[in-house]
């Protein structure tokens, strides 16, 4: 054994080897451009050049919206973990454990109460990283809790939605959340409180067929996929090529399904302005300009 080539040389290489973090750069899904991770994070996860909106988790979304650290985390009610004892390739309870360990959330919803540009409101965020933001009993219960909190506090209810649809592991119990959330929206209407929905990428399936499309105002982030069935399924069904940009935010705005497409940087002031108008809140008082001093009359000679 040659100890110089087999032992000493590898140790010297290891000594001078530089470790490069795997997530140092991010590849833009739209343009293929490589962007520095810190630059994208500082820009609220919007690619600077292409303006592609990447997904953000629920905690980040609440931090971007609320004023400082003044918002309160509203606890989500507990539900039965696995009522149907469902199992496919893996037990449903094991899938839940993995999702909770990965995201640090109990389920797909996170609720916050605080002020947005000094306007009090309740905000619920559906996190796609938790099992595709799927709608199950826990998500339905969280939506109802958020609506009840808004009614109790007499504030607008803002929902950021991102979902692949109903959660198949809960079967009919998942589908029953569609009418339950619809009743919660009706409660908000009866209390005369605004319900504003922000559609993010993607919003599909049973969520689109229920509370995601029942808002008083529908906003959407640029380029978000919004629809019931995916474009590939539609093309295979009707055997026709779909129009360019079909089911994207801009296409839906042009066809009246979305009220406005709003850049992520403009969501906070836009939602605050809408809530002031809908709740008849007074606008922030502008500082009055100092009055000009009147010139003194010259004394008569």
Protein backbone atom coordinates (compact mmCIF):
# COMPACT_ATOMS: atom_id res chain seq x y z
CA UNK A 1 0.00 0.00 0.00
CA UNK A 2 1.37 3.41 -1.00
CA UNK A 3 0.52 5.51 2.07
CA UNK A 4 1.46 8.80 0.34
CA UNK A 5 -1.06 8.37 -2.52
CA UNK A 6 -3.72 6.42 -0.60
CA UNK A 7 -3.76 8.24 2.74
CA UNK A 8 -1.94 11.58 2.69
CA UNK A 9 -3.23 12.84 -0.67
CA UNK A 10 -6.98 12.30 0.04
CA UNK A 11 -6.59 14.03 3.41
CA UNK A 12 -4.96 17.05 1.78
CA UNK A 13 -7.81 17.27 -0.79
CA UNK A 14 -10.39 17.14 1.99
CA UNK A 15 -8.58 19.87 3.89
CA UNK A 16 -8.90 22.38 1.04
CA UNK A 17 -12.33 21.28 -0.24
CA UNK A 18 -15.05 23.94 -0.20
CA UNK A 19 -18.57 22.93 0.78
CA UNK A 20 -21.20 24.66 -1.41
CA UNK A 21 -24.78 24.72 -0.05
CA UNK A 22 -27.25 22.92 -2.33
CA UNK A 23 -29.85 25.72 -2.13
CA UNK A 24 -27.47 28.60 -2.90
CA UNK A 25 -29.04 29.18 -6.32
CA UNK A 26 -32.62 28.88 -7.57
CA UNK A 27 -33.57 28.09 -11.16
CA UNK A 28 -36.49 30.12 -12.45
CA UNK A 29 -39.19 27.69 -13.72
CA UNK A 30 -40.24 30.21 -16.38
CA UNK A 31 -36.98 31.50 -17.89
CA UNK A 32 -34.44 28.94 -16.65
CA UNK A 33 -32.35 31.76 -15.17
CA UNK A 34 -30.21 30.97 -12.13
CA UNK A 35 -30.89 33.45 -9.32
CA UNK A 36 -29.16 33.86 -5.98
CA UNK A 37 -31.33 32.34 -3.21
CA UNK A 38 -31.02 35.33 -0.87
CA UNK A 39 -32.12 37.75 -3.60
CA UNK A 40 -35.31 35.76 -4.25
CA UNK A 41 -36.07 35.45 -0.53
CA UNK A 42 -35.59 39.20 0.01
CA UNK A 43 -37.97 39.82 -2.92
CA UNK A 44 -40.83 37.85 -1.26
CA UNK A 45 -40.01 34.79 -3.42
CA UNK A 46 -40.60 36.60 -6.70
CA UNK A 47 -37.87 36.04 -9.32
CA UNK A 48 -36.46 39.57 -9.90
CA UNK A 49 -36.08 39.55 -13.71
CA UNK A 50 -38.86 37.24 -14.94
CA UNK A 51 -41.28 38.28 -12.13
CA UNK A 52 -42.26 34.62 -11.66
CA UNK A 53 -44.17 34.15 -8.38
CA UNK A 54 -42.89 31.14 -6.47
CA UNK A 55 -44.87 29.43 -3.72
CA UNK A 56 -44.54 30.68 -0.15
CA UNK A 57 -45.52 28.84 3.01
CA UNK A 58 -48.32 29.92 5.34
CA UNK A 59 -46.09 31.54 7.97
CA UNK A 60 -44.24 33.62 5.38
CA UNK A 61 -47.53 34.75 3.87
CA UNK A 62 -48.82 35.98 7.22
CA UNK A 63 -45.54 37.76 7.91
CA UNK A 64 -45.73 39.56 4.56
CA UNK A 65 -49.29 40.70 5.24
CA UNK A 66 -49.48 41.71 8.91
CA UNK A 67 -47.90 44.83 10.39
CA UNK A 68 -44.69 43.78 12.16
CA UNK A 69 -44.94 40.99 14.75
CA UNK A 70 -48.27 42.16 16.19
CA UNK A 71 -50.48 39.40 14.78
CA UNK A 72 -51.88 36.53 16.82
CA UNK A 73 -51.88 32.87 15.79
CA UNK A 74 -55.46 31.55 15.98
CA UNK A 75 -55.47 27.87 17.08
CA UNK A 76 -57.03 25.39 14.66
CA UNK A 77 -59.59 22.93 16.15
CA UNK A 78 -58.59 19.28 16.37
CA UNK A 79 -60.45 16.60 14.39
CA UNK A 80 -60.34 12.81 14.09
CA UNK A 81 -57.00 11.77 12.61
CA UNK A 82 -58.00 8.84 10.39
CA UNK A 83 -61.78 8.22 10.57
CA UNK A 84 -61.85 5.81 7.61
CA UNK A 85 -58.64 3.88 8.49
CA UNK A 86 -57.51 4.57 4.94
CA UNK A 87 -54.51 2.89 3.39
CA UNK A 88 -53.10 2.83 -0.14
CA UNK A 89 -49.36 2.38 -0.68
CA UNK A 90 -48.95 3.91 2.75
CA UNK A 91 -51.14 4.42 5.83
CA UNK A 92 -52.92 7.76 5.93
CA UNK A 93 -51.71 8.36 9.50
CA UNK A 94 -48.12 7.91 8.30
CA UNK A 95 -48.67 10.41 5.49
CA UNK A 96 -49.99 12.91 8.03
CA UNK A 97 -46.98 12.36 10.29
CA UNK A 98 -44.60 12.95 7.37
CA UNK A 99 -46.43 16.12 6.30
CA UNK A 100 -46.45 17.49 9.86
CA UNK A 101 -42.77 16.77 10.32
CA UNK A 102 -41.92 18.40 6.99
CA UNK A 103 -44.00 21.58 7.39
CA UNK A 104 -44.33 22.01 11.17
CA UNK A 105 -48.10 22.45 10.70
CA UNK A 106 -50.94 20.28 11.97
CA UNK A 107 -52.79 20.54 8.65
CA UNK A 108 -53.05 22.66 5.51
CA UNK A 109 -54.50 25.81 7.14
CA UNK A 110 -52.93 28.53 9.27
CA UNK A 111 -54.98 31.42 10.71
CA UNK A 112 -53.82 34.80 11.95
CA UNK A 113 -55.53 37.85 13.47
CA UNK A 114 -53.93 41.28 13.40
CA UNK A 115 -53.65 44.55 11.52
CA UNK A 116 -52.79 45.12 7.87
CA UNK A 117 -51.82 48.76 7.28
CA UNK A 118 -53.62 49.44 10.57
CA UNK A 119 -56.83 47.69 9.40
CA UNK A 120 -57.86 44.77 11.68
CA UNK A 121 -58.60 41.54 9.82
CA UNK A 122 -58.52 37.75 10.01
CA UNK A 123 -56.32 36.00 7.43
CA UNK A 124 -56.36 32.27 6.67
CA UNK A 125 -53.69 30.70 4.46
CA UNK A 126 -53.90 27.33 2.74
CA UNK A 127 -50.42 25.86 2.46
CA UNK A 128 -49.78 23.74 -0.65
CA UNK A 129 -46.72 22.13 0.93
CA UNK A 130 -49.00 20.20 3.33
CA UNK A 131 -50.33 17.33 1.18
CA UNK A 132 -51.00 19.65 -1.73
CA UNK A 133 -53.19 21.93 0.38
CA UNK A 134 -55.91 19.30 0.12
CA UNK A 135 -59.31 19.89 1.69
CA UNK A 136 -60.08 17.50 4.53
CA UNK A 137 -61.96 17.68 7.83
CA UNK A 138 -59.18 19.66 9.53
CA UNK A 139 -59.04 22.20 6.70
CA UNK A 140 -62.82 22.57 6.69
CA UNK A 141 -62.89 23.04 10.46
CA UNK A 142 -60.11 25.63 10.19
CA UNK A 143 -62.01 27.59 7.54
CA UNK A 144 -65.14 27.66 9.74
CA UNK A 145 -63.02 28.72 12.74
CA UNK A 146 -61.50 31.58 10.74
CA UNK A 147 -64.95 32.77 9.60
CA UNK A 148 -66.29 32.59 13.18
CA UNK A 149 -63.27 34.55 14.44
CA UNK A 150 -63.90 37.26 11.84
CA UNK A 151 -67.55 37.47 12.93
CA UNK A 152 -66.55 37.61 16.59
CA UNK A 153 -63.95 40.34 15.98
CA UNK A 154 -66.18 42.11 13.40
CA UNK A 155 -63.37 42.19 10.85
CA UNK A 156 -62.96 41.26 7.17
CA UNK A 157 -61.95 37.68 6.36
CA UNK A 158 -59.10 37.27 3.86
CA UNK A 159 -58.31 33.83 2.41
CA UNK A 160 -55.13 32.92 0.54
CA UNK A 161 -55.99 29.68 -1.21
CA UNK A 162 -53.71 27.08 -2.83
CA UNK A 163 -54.97 23.53 -3.22
CA UNK A 164 -55.09 20.48 -5.42
CA UNK A 165 -58.68 19.70 -4.32
CA UNK A 166 -60.40 17.38 -1.85
CA UNK A 167 -58.37 14.88 0.19
CA UNK A 168 -59.10 11.43 -1.18
CA UNK A 169 -58.01 9.66 2.04
CA UNK A 170 -61.07 11.05 3.84
CA UNK A 171 -63.62 10.21 1.13
CA UNK A 172 -67.13 11.62 1.62
CA UNK A 173 -66.04 13.33 4.85
CA UNK A 174 -63.73 15.48 2.74
CA UNK A 175 -66.45 16.31 0.22
CA UNK A 176 -68.82 17.34 3.03
CA UNK A 177 -66.46 20.24 3.81
CA UNK A 178 -67.65 21.94 0.62
CA UNK A 179 -71.20 22.64 1.93
CA UNK A 180 -69.86 23.34 5.45
CA UNK A 181 -67.53 26.07 4.20
CA UNK A 182 -70.33 27.44 2.02
CA UNK A 183 -72.49 27.84 5.14
CA UNK A 184 -69.60 29.68 6.83
CA UNK A 185 -69.43 32.10 3.89
CA UNK A 186 -73.18 32.66 4.22
CA UNK A 187 -72.62 33.52 7.90
CA UNK A 188 -70.11 36.18 6.85
CA UNK A 189 -72.60 37.59 4.36
CA UNK A 190 -75.33 37.79 7.00
CA UNK A 191 -72.91 39.59 9.33
CA UNK A 192 -72.17 42.02 6.44
CA UNK A 193 -68.43 41.35 6.64
CA UNK A 194 -66.16 41.32 3.56
CA UNK A 195 -64.82 37.99 2.35
CA UNK A 196 -61.86 38.51 0.00
CA UNK A 197 -60.22 35.53 -1.74
CA UNK A 198 -56.66 35.62 -3.10
CA UNK A 199 -56.11 32.81 -5.59
CA UNK A 200 -52.52 31.55 -5.73
CA UNK A 201 -50.79 28.84 -7.73
CA UNK A 202 -52.43 26.34 -7.96
CA UNK A 203 -56.14 26.50 -7.03
CA UNK A 204 -58.01 23.50 -8.41
CA UNK A 205 -60.55 20.76 -7.74
CA UNK A 206 -63.27 20.84 -5.08
CA UNK A 207 -61.78 23.95 -3.46
CA UNK A 208 -62.40 25.90 -6.67
CA UNK A 209 -65.93 24.45 -6.73
CA UNK A 210 -66.68 25.79 -3.24
CA UNK A 211 -65.26 28.53 -1.01
CA UNK A 212 -62.52 29.71 -3.41
CA UNK A 213 -65.14 31.14 -5.78
CA UNK A 214 -67.62 32.53 -3.24
CA UNK A 215 -65.72 35.69 -2.31
CA UNK A 216 -67.04 39.22 -2.50
CA UNK A 217 -63.83 40.08 -4.36
CA UNK A 218 -61.46 37.68 -6.12
CA UNK A 219 -57.82 38.65 -6.51
CA UNK A 220 -55.13 36.45 -8.05
CA UNK A 221 -51.36 36.38 -8.17
CA UNK A 222 -49.79 36.60 -11.66
CA UNK A 223 -49.55 33.33 -13.56
CA UNK A 224 -51.53 31.26 -11.05
CA UNK A 225 -53.24 28.09 -12.32
CA UNK A 226 -56.95 28.31 -11.44
CA UNK A 227 -59.62 25.82 -12.47
CA UNK A 228 -61.57 22.69 -11.58
CA UNK A 229 -59.91 20.07 -13.79
CA UNK A 230 -56.37 20.45 -15.12
CA UNK A 231 -55.77 21.60 -18.71
CA UNK A 232 -54.37 18.20 -19.75
CA UNK A 233 -57.55 16.43 -18.57
CA UNK A 234 -59.72 18.95 -20.44
CA UNK A 235 -57.73 18.55 -23.65
CA UNK A 236 -58.01 14.76 -23.47
CA UNK A 237 -61.77 15.02 -22.85
CA UNK A 238 -62.75 17.52 -25.56
CA UNK A 239 -59.90 16.50 -27.92
CA UNK A 240 -59.08 20.09 -28.75
CA UNK A 241 -56.11 22.35 -28.15
CA UNK A 242 -56.79 24.89 -25.41
CA UNK A 243 -56.12 28.62 -25.92
CA UNK A 244 -52.78 30.09 -24.87
CA UNK A 245 -52.72 30.90 -21.15
CA UNK A 246 -55.95 28.99 -20.48
CA UNK A 247 -56.81 28.74 -16.74
CA UNK A 248 -54.14 31.28 -15.80
CA UNK A 249 -54.87 34.39 -13.74
CA UNK A 250 -54.64 36.83 -16.63
CA UNK A 251 -56.93 34.73 -18.87
CA UNK A 252 -59.54 34.43 -16.11
CA UNK A 253 -59.44 38.17 -15.45
CA UNK A 254 -60.07 38.88 -19.14
CA UNK A 255 -63.07 36.51 -19.01
CA UNK A 256 -64.61 37.89 -15.79
CA UNK A 257 -63.78 35.11 -13.34
CA UNK A 258 -61.18 37.13 -11.43
CA UNK A 259 -61.58 40.79 -10.45
CA UNK A 260 -57.91 41.76 -10.51
CA UNK A 261 -54.44 40.24 -10.92
CA UNK A 262 -52.24 41.76 -8.22
CA UNK A 263 -48.47 41.50 -7.83
CA UNK A 264 -47.35 40.02 -4.51
CA UNK A 265 -45.67 43.30 -3.53
CA UNK A 266 -49.00 45.13 -3.97
CA UNK A 267 -51.27 42.66 -2.17
CA UNK A 268 -50.95 44.22 1.28
CA UNK A 269 -51.86 47.83 0.31
CA UNK A 270 -54.53 46.61 -2.14
CA UNK A 271 -56.31 44.43 0.43
CA UNK A 272 -56.05 47.13 3.11
CA UNK A 273 -57.56 49.70 0.73
CA UNK A 274 -60.43 47.37 -0.24
CA UNK A 275 -61.23 46.60 3.40
CA UNK A 276 -61.28 50.30 4.29
CA UNK A 277 -63.77 50.93 1.51
CA UNK A 278 -65.98 47.93 2.28
CA UNK A 279 -65.98 48.51 6.05
CA UNK A 280 -66.25 52.31 5.70
CA UNK A 281 -63.10 52.83 7.76
CA UNK A 282 -61.68 56.33 7.81
CA UNK A 283 -58.60 56.80 5.67
CA UNK A 284 -55.35 57.58 7.51
CA UNK A 285 -55.32 61.29 8.20
CA UNK A 286 -52.80 63.18 6.14
CA UNK A 287 -50.76 65.76 7.94
CA UNK A 288 -52.16 69.19 7.19
CA UNK A 289 -49.75 71.46 5.35
CA UNK A 290 -48.71 74.48 7.39
CA UNK A 291 -50.56 77.62 6.45
CA UNK A 292 -48.54 80.30 4.73
CA UNK A 293 -48.06 83.39 6.81
CA UNK A 294 -49.91 86.43 5.53
CA UNK A 295 -47.63 89.34 4.66
CA UNK A 296 -47.86 92.17 7.13
CA UNK A 297 -49.36 95.39 5.81
CA UNK A 298 -46.83 98.14 5.46
CA UNK A 299 -47.37 101.01 7.85
CA UNK A 300 -48.64 104.16 6.21
CA UNK A 301 -46.17 106.97 6.12
